[in-house]
Amino acid sequence: MDMCGSQIFGYMNIVSPPNTEKALKYINKFPTFDGLEYYQYTDLSFEDFDMKIYNDKGIESYKDNFIDKLYSVLLNHLICLNKEGKSQNEINELISGSILKDKTYYKHTSKKKLLKKIFKN
């Protein structure tokens, strides 16, 4: 997800205005897993563990690092669908078929406030 997330981040944050068309084309090339779209992998209930992920950082939580990256890609995907005028059905499929609304994993992301604001209920 790191390489994919970096590419999407570039299309969404480095160019001005964000190039949602190119970002969405890139997202649409993501592989499927067991026939499911990348965002439909939602079983992240495994036990967390600490490890050295980057050379310039110390030991980190696996979930904090990678679930945060997944939320970044999911949120950018949602923005792309909205900006590119995709159907409400496609948008709802991403929201309901992913961990976007799953508050269980919010503790692992720096986007907790944003997610709570978007998905108030």
Foldseek 3Di string as FASTA:
>chain_A
DVVLLVVLCCQVPVDPNRDLVVNLVSQVPDDADPPHRPQLPAPPPDDWDWDDDDPVDDIDIPLLPVVQSVLSSLVSNLVSCVVVVHDPVVNVCSCVRHCLQPLVSLVSHPCNVVSCVVNPD
